[in-house]
Protein backbone atom coordinates (compact mmCIF):
# COMPACT_ATOMS: atom_id res chain seq x y z
CA LYS A 1 102.21 128.97 49.54
CA ASN A 2 104.74 131.50 48.33
CA LYS A 3 103.91 130.67 44.80
CA GLU A 4 100.18 130.96 45.51
CA PHE A 5 100.65 134.26 47.32
CA SER A 6 102.96 135.57 44.60
CA ASN A 7 100.31 134.74 41.92
CA ASN A 8 97.68 136.60 43.95
CA LEU A 9 99.95 139.71 44.11
CA LYS A 10 100.40 139.46 40.39
CA LYS A 11 96.65 139.58 39.85
CA ILE A 12 95.88 142.43 42.31
CA SER A 13 98.82 144.54 41.12
CA ASN A 14 98.44 143.68 37.39
CA ILE A 15 102.09 142.89 37.07
CA LYS A 16 104.00 139.75 36.08
CA ASN A 17 107.19 139.84 38.03
CA VAL A 18 106.83 139.34 41.84
CA ILE A 19 109.50 138.11 44.14
CA ILE A 20 108.53 137.30 47.83
CA PHE A 21 111.12 138.18 50.64
CA ASN A 22 111.38 137.70 54.29
CA SER A 23 110.83 141.44 54.74
CA ALA A 24 110.29 144.69 52.79
CA THR A 25 113.74 145.79 54.15
CA SER A 26 115.32 142.85 52.19
CA ALA A 27 113.28 143.71 49.10
CA LEU A 28 114.46 147.35 49.30
CA GLN A 29 118.11 146.26 49.50
CA ILE A 30 117.75 143.88 46.57
CA ALA A 31 116.01 146.60 44.51
CA CYS A 32 119.03 148.98 45.13
CA LEU A 33 121.59 146.22 44.25
CA ALA A 34 119.66 145.31 41.07
CA LEU A 35 119.64 148.96 40.06
CA GLY A 36 123.46 149.06 40.50
CA LEU A 37 123.70 151.44 43.43
CA LYS A 38 127.41 151.78 44.34
CA LYS A 39 129.62 153.37 47.00
CA ASN A 40 129.47 157.16 47.14
CA GLU A 41 126.43 157.44 44.76
CA TRP A 42 123.31 159.09 46.21
CA LEU A 43 120.01 157.58 47.31
CA TRP A 44 117.23 160.12 48.38
CA THR A 45 114.20 159.29 50.31
CA SER A 46 111.35 160.89 52.23
CA ALA A 47 112.15 162.47 55.54
CA ASN A 48 109.04 160.62 56.89
CA THR A 49 109.66 156.92 56.58
CA PHE A 50 110.85 153.76 58.32
CA VAL A 51 114.62 153.61 58.44
CA ALA A 52 114.84 150.82 55.85
CA SER A 53 114.01 153.26 53.06
CA ALA A 54 117.40 154.94 53.79
CA THR A 55 119.52 152.01 55.12
CA CYS A 56 118.91 150.11 51.83
CA GLY A 57 121.23 152.63 50.15
CA MET A 58 123.70 152.66 53.08
CA HIS A 59 124.21 148.89 52.74
CA CYS A 60 125.37 149.51 49.18
CA GLY A 61 127.83 152.18 50.38
CA ALA A 62 125.77 155.00 48.99
CA LYS A 63 125.21 158.34 50.64
CA VAL A 64 121.71 159.05 51.69
CA ASP A 65 119.84 162.35 51.77
CA LEU A 66 116.26 163.14 52.86
CA VAL A 67 113.63 165.08 51.05
CA ASP A 68 111.28 167.21 53.11
CA ILE A 69 107.56 166.35 53.28
CA ASP A 70 104.24 168.07 52.56
CA PRO A 71 102.55 168.51 55.90
CA LEU A 72 99.16 167.81 54.33
CA THR A 73 100.05 164.37 52.90
CA ASN A 74 103.11 163.46 55.11
CA ASN A 75 104.62 162.35 51.67
CA MET A 76 107.56 163.76 49.79
CA CYS A 77 106.89 167.47 48.75
CA VAL A 78 107.35 167.51 44.97
CA ASN A 79 108.15 171.27 45.00
CA LYS A 80 110.84 170.92 47.61
CA PHE A 81 112.06 167.79 45.83
CA GLU A 82 112.43 169.72 42.50
CA LYS A 83 114.26 172.62 44.17
CA LYS A 84 116.64 170.07 45.86
CA LEU A 85 117.27 168.48 42.47
CA ILE A 86 118.09 171.75 40.83
CA GLU A 87 120.57 172.47 43.62
CA ALA A 88 122.09 168.98 43.46
CA LYS A 89 122.65 169.26 39.68
CA LYS A 90 124.69 172.43 40.29
CA ASN A 91 126.79 170.60 42.89
CA ASN A 92 127.03 167.33 40.89
CA LYS A 93 125.22 165.42 43.62
CA LEU A 94 122.11 164.14 41.87
CA PRO A 95 120.66 160.96 43.22
CA LYS A 96 120.93 157.65 41.36
CA ILE A 97 117.89 156.32 43.12
CA VAL A 98 114.95 157.95 44.81
CA VAL A 99 112.86 155.80 47.21
CA VAL A 100 109.39 157.33 47.15
CA VAL A 101 107.29 156.43 50.25
CA HIS A 102 103.48 156.25 50.01
CA PHE A 103 102.89 157.01 53.72
CA GLY A 104 99.79 155.76 55.35
CA GLY A 105 98.44 154.54 52.06
CA ILE A 106 98.32 157.92 50.48
CA PRO A 107 100.07 157.89 47.13
CA CYS A 108 102.86 160.38 46.25
CA GLN A 109 102.55 162.60 43.07
CA MET A 110 104.03 159.89 40.97
CA ASP A 111 103.35 161.54 37.59
CA LYS A 112 105.41 164.65 38.67
CA ILE A 113 108.18 162.53 40.31
CA PHE A 114 108.33 160.34 37.13
CA LYS A 115 108.76 163.43 34.88
CA LEU A 116 111.58 164.63 37.11
CA SER A 117 113.26 161.21 36.87
CA LYS A 118 113.37 161.56 33.13
CA LYS A 119 114.95 165.09 33.42
CA TYR A 120 117.44 164.30 36.10
CA LYS A 121 118.14 160.66 35.27
CA PHE A 122 117.41 158.88 38.53
CA ARG A 123 115.63 155.60 39.13
CA ILE A 124 112.57 155.12 41.32
CA ILE A 125 111.71 152.57 43.93
CA GLU A 126 108.25 152.92 45.41
CA ASP A 127 108.17 151.92 49.07
CA ALA A 128 104.50 150.99 49.11
CA SER A 129 104.71 149.25 52.55
CA HIS A 130 101.59 151.15 53.60
CA ALA A 131 99.86 151.28 50.19
CA LEU A 132 98.73 147.72 49.14
CA GLY A 133 95.33 148.37 47.64
CA SER A 134 95.89 152.14 46.92
CA PHE A 135 95.34 153.77 43.56
CA TYR A 136 96.98 156.80 41.93
CA LYS A 137 95.12 158.31 38.93
CA ASN A 138 93.37 155.05 38.02
CA SER A 139 96.61 153.15 38.39
CA LYS A 140 97.20 150.59 41.07
CA ILE A 141 100.11 151.27 43.43
CA GLY A 142 102.22 148.27 42.63
CA ASP A 143 101.86 148.24 38.89
CA CYS A 144 105.24 150.11 38.39
CA LYS A 145 103.74 152.56 35.93
CA TYR A 146 105.92 155.36 37.42
CA SER A 147 108.82 153.25 38.87
CA ASP A 148 111.41 150.56 38.33
CA PHE A 149 110.32 148.67 41.49
CA CYS A 150 107.53 148.73 43.99
CA ILE A 151 107.99 147.17 47.44
CA TYR A 152 105.26 145.83 49.75
CA SER A 153 105.51 144.94 53.45
CA PHE A 154 103.50 142.29 55.24
CA HIS A 155 104.64 143.24 58.77
CA PRO A 156 101.75 142.96 61.35
CA ILE A 157 100.97 146.67 61.25
CA LYS A 158 100.47 146.72 57.44
CA THR A 159 97.31 146.32 55.26
CA ILE A 160 97.67 142.59 55.22
CA THR A 161 100.10 140.47 57.20
CA THR A 162 102.05 137.22 56.86
CA PHE A 163 103.47 138.03 60.30
CA GLU A 164 106.56 139.32 58.43
CA GLY A 165 107.47 139.32 54.76
CA GLY A 166 107.81 141.67 51.85
CA ALA A 167 107.58 141.59 48.00
CA LEU A 168 109.39 143.20 45.18
CA LEU A 169 107.40 143.98 42.02
CA THR A 170 108.68 145.15 38.68
CA LYS A 171 107.41 145.12 35.11
CA ASN A 172 111.09 144.95 33.89
CA SER A 173 111.93 141.25 33.20
CA LYS A 174 115.69 142.00 33.22
CA LEU A 175 115.51 143.64 36.66
CA ALA A 176 113.27 140.86 37.87
CA LYS A 177 115.83 138.23 36.80
CA ILE A 178 118.70 140.15 38.52
CA SER A 179 116.66 140.55 41.66
CA GLU A 180 115.71 136.89 41.71
CA ILE A 181 119.44 135.82 41.33
CA LEU A 182 120.44 138.25 44.11
CA SER A 183 117.58 137.00 46.33
CA ASN A 184 118.84 133.41 45.93
CA GLN A 185 122.44 134.11 46.73
CA GLY A 186 123.47 133.92 43.14
CA ILE A 187 122.25 130.40 42.75
CA VAL A 188 120.70 129.64 39.28
CA ARG A 189 119.39 126.28 38.07
């Protein structure tokens, strides 16, 4: 059933690398490990999110900071985010990873966040726990057009449920392989 479910997610997300997890929390943590987040590096996320969007970094020993939200969307405010990046660059405290949260199924301004990632050299994980089936500028949330990873949740309060569970999606085959190895406790066949 996991294989069947994974194949269906591949179809609806238009992506080839999908790994099923026991929770989105586990998927977030594996994504951070696969991107090489280390002790004392920075992970930033939205101030409006479930705690797992932050603790995934803390489990790697990283420092976590929050980015204020736009009160109209409840998502990360891109203008405040850019100002925070400018200040962080001055203080040599730029994030290694930014976990972008599509709260309530409303996508963040991914094109602007993606452009900032190129300028400030951070990686992007989309926490799309609320956003299965959402679109951003004719692109499906989950296709990783603007990110390294996309994470879905199947908790009972989400768009679809498996009573628990999560998924990690990426278009990067190397990151998918690393994530799969980490998710299987390092066991390879």
